[in-house]
């Protein structure tokens, strides 16, 4: 599995900074899903708090 494309979107809210990362993943079986990860900075470290497969 390899990442073909990646985009990162940033924003701030009252609880802190959030990053949305979209990863277009290449696989050997032919499908190329897009994975969306939601990251939040907690205690000085970035952590994933949600992840979805979009297609």
N, C-alpha and C. Protein backbone atom coordinates (compact mmCIF):
# COMPACT_ATOMS: atom_id res chain seq x y z
N UNK A 1 0.85 -1.18 0.00
CA UNK A 1 0.00 0.00 0.00
C UNK A 1 0.89 1.24 0.00
N UNK A 2 0.53 2.23 -0.83
CA UNK A 2 1.29 3.47 -0.93
C UNK A 2 0.32 4.65 -0.99
N UNK A 3 0.78 5.79 -0.56
CA UNK A 3 -0.03 7.01 -0.60
C UNK A 3 0.26 7.74 -1.90
N UNK A 4 -0.77 7.93 -2.74
CA UNK A 4 -0.61 8.65 -4.00
C UNK A 4 -0.70 10.15 -3.81
N UNK A 5 -1.67 10.59 -3.01
CA UNK A 5 -1.90 12.01 -2.78
C UNK A 5 -2.25 12.23 -1.31
N UNK A 6 -1.91 13.41 -0.82
CA UNK A 6 -2.26 13.75 0.55
C UNK A 6 -2.59 15.23 0.61
N UNK A 7 -3.65 15.58 1.30
CA UNK A 7 -3.98 16.98 1.55
C UNK A 7 -4.26 17.16 3.03
N UNK A 8 -3.87 18.33 3.54
CA UNK A 8 -4.03 18.63 4.97
C UNK A 8 -4.75 19.97 5.10
N UNK A 9 -5.78 19.98 5.93
CA UNK A 9 -6.55 21.19 6.21
C UNK A 9 -6.45 21.48 7.70
N UNK A 10 -6.23 22.74 8.04
CA UNK A 10 -6.03 23.15 9.43
C UNK A 10 -7.12 24.11 9.86
N UNK A 11 -7.47 24.04 11.13
CA UNK A 11 -8.32 25.07 11.70
C UNK A 11 -8.19 25.06 13.22
N UNK A 12 -8.63 26.16 13.80
CA UNK A 12 -8.62 26.31 15.26
C UNK A 12 -10.05 26.38 15.74
N UNK A 13 -10.27 25.79 16.90
CA UNK A 13 -11.56 25.92 17.58
C UNK A 13 -11.27 26.16 19.05
N UNK A 14 -12.28 26.34 19.84
CA UNK A 14 -12.08 26.64 21.26
C UNK A 14 -11.26 25.56 21.96
N UNK A 15 -11.42 24.31 21.54
CA UNK A 15 -10.70 23.20 22.17
C UNK A 15 -9.25 23.08 21.69
N UNK A 16 -8.87 23.84 20.63
CA UNK A 16 -7.50 23.79 20.14
C UNK A 16 -7.43 23.60 18.64
N UNK A 17 -6.25 23.20 18.17
CA UNK A 17 -6.02 23.00 16.74
C UNK A 17 -6.51 21.64 16.29
N UNK A 18 -7.03 21.61 15.05
CA UNK A 18 -7.49 20.37 14.43
C UNK A 18 -6.84 20.28 13.05
N UNK A 19 -6.49 19.08 12.63
CA UNK A 19 -6.01 18.82 11.28
C UNK A 19 -6.89 17.75 10.66
N UNK A 20 -7.29 17.97 9.41
CA UNK A 20 -7.97 16.94 8.63
C UNK A 20 -6.99 16.53 7.55
N UNK A 21 -6.69 15.25 7.47
CA UNK A 21 -5.75 14.72 6.49
C UNK A 21 -6.50 13.76 5.58
N UNK A 22 -6.47 14.04 4.26
CA UNK A 22 -7.05 13.14 3.27
C UNK A 22 -5.91 12.41 2.58
N UNK A 23 -5.97 11.08 2.60
CA UNK A 23 -4.94 10.25 1.99
C UNK A 23 -5.57 9.42 0.89
N UNK A 24 -5.08 9.54 -0.34
CA UNK A 24 -5.53 8.70 -1.45
C UNK A 24 -4.55 7.54 -1.52
N UNK A 25 -5.04 6.35 -1.23
CA UNK A 25 -4.19 5.18 -1.04
C UNK A 25 -4.23 4.27 -2.26
N UNK A 26 -3.08 3.87 -2.77
CA UNK A 26 -2.99 2.91 -3.87
C UNK A 26 -2.81 1.51 -3.29
N UNK A 27 -3.59 0.57 -3.78
CA UNK A 27 -3.48 -0.81 -3.32
C UNK A 27 -3.24 -1.73 -4.51
N UNK A 28 -2.81 -2.95 -4.23
CA UNK A 28 -2.52 -3.91 -5.29
C UNK A 28 -3.78 -4.52 -5.90
N UNK A 29 -4.92 -4.41 -5.23
CA UNK A 29 -6.15 -5.02 -5.72
C UNK A 29 -6.94 -4.10 -6.65
N UNK A 30 -6.44 -2.92 -6.95
CA UNK A 30 -7.06 -2.07 -7.95
C UNK A 30 -7.90 -0.92 -7.42
N UNK A 31 -8.51 -1.07 -6.25
CA UNK A 31 -9.29 0.06 -5.74
C UNK A 31 -8.35 1.07 -5.08
N UNK A 32 -8.74 2.31 -5.08
CA UNK A 32 -7.91 3.37 -4.51
C UNK A 32 -8.75 4.19 -3.54
N UNK A 33 -8.93 3.70 -2.33
CA UNK A 33 -9.76 4.43 -1.37
C UNK A 33 -9.11 5.72 -0.90
N UNK A 34 -9.96 6.64 -0.48
CA UNK A 34 -9.50 7.85 0.18
C UNK A 34 -9.82 7.71 1.66
N UNK A 35 -8.81 7.90 2.47
CA UNK A 35 -8.95 7.81 3.92
C UNK A 35 -8.87 9.22 4.49
N UNK A 36 -9.80 9.56 5.37
CA UNK A 36 -9.79 10.86 6.03
C UNK A 36 -9.49 10.65 7.51
N UNK A 37 -8.47 11.33 7.99
CA UNK A 37 -8.10 11.24 9.41
C UNK A 37 -8.29 12.62 10.04
N UNK A 38 -8.78 12.60 11.27
CA UNK A 38 -8.95 13.82 12.07
C UNK A 38 -7.94 13.76 13.21
N UNK A 39 -7.10 14.77 13.29
CA UNK A 39 -6.05 14.84 14.30
C UNK A 39 -6.30 16.02 15.23
N UNK A 40 -5.97 15.84 16.51
CA UNK A 40 -6.08 16.91 17.51
C UNK A 40 -4.80 16.92 18.33
N UNK A 41 -4.32 18.10 18.64
CA UNK A 41 -3.12 18.23 19.47
C UNK A 41 -3.53 18.18 20.93
N UNK A 42 -3.03 17.17 21.64
CA UNK A 42 -3.33 17.01 23.06
C UNK A 42 -2.02 16.79 23.82
N UNK A 43 -1.83 17.56 24.84
CA UNK A 43 -0.62 17.47 25.66
C UNK A 43 0.65 17.58 24.82
N UNK A 44 0.61 18.46 23.81
CA UNK A 44 1.79 18.69 22.98
C UNK A 44 2.04 17.65 21.90
N UNK A 45 1.14 16.67 21.75
CA UNK A 45 1.32 15.61 20.75
C UNK A 45 0.10 15.52 19.85
N UNK A 46 0.32 15.25 18.57
CA UNK A 46 -0.79 15.06 17.64
C UNK A 46 -1.30 13.63 17.75
N UNK A 47 -2.63 13.49 17.86
CA UNK A 47 -3.26 12.17 17.98
C UNK A 47 -4.48 12.11 17.08
N UNK A 48 -4.67 10.94 16.44
CA UNK A 48 -5.87 10.72 15.64
C UNK A 48 -7.05 10.50 16.57
N UNK A 49 -8.15 11.25 16.33
CA UNK A 49 -9.34 11.00 17.13
C UNK A 49 -10.48 10.42 16.30
N UNK A 50 -10.33 10.39 14.96
CA UNK A 50 -11.33 9.77 14.10
C UNK A 50 -10.71 9.46 12.75
N UNK A 51 -11.23 8.41 12.10
CA UNK A 51 -10.74 8.04 10.77
C UNK A 51 -11.89 7.40 9.99
N UNK A 52 -12.05 7.81 8.73
CA UNK A 52 -13.12 7.30 7.88
C UNK A 52 -12.55 6.93 6.51
N UNK A 53 -13.17 5.95 5.85
CA UNK A 53 -12.88 5.64 4.46
C UNK A 53 -13.97 6.30 3.64
N UNK A 54 -13.59 7.20 2.72
CA UNK A 54 -14.56 7.98 1.96
C UNK A 54 -15.02 7.27 0.70
N UNK A 55 -14.16 6.50 0.08
CA UNK A 55 -14.54 5.80 -1.15
C UNK A 55 -13.76 4.52 -1.30
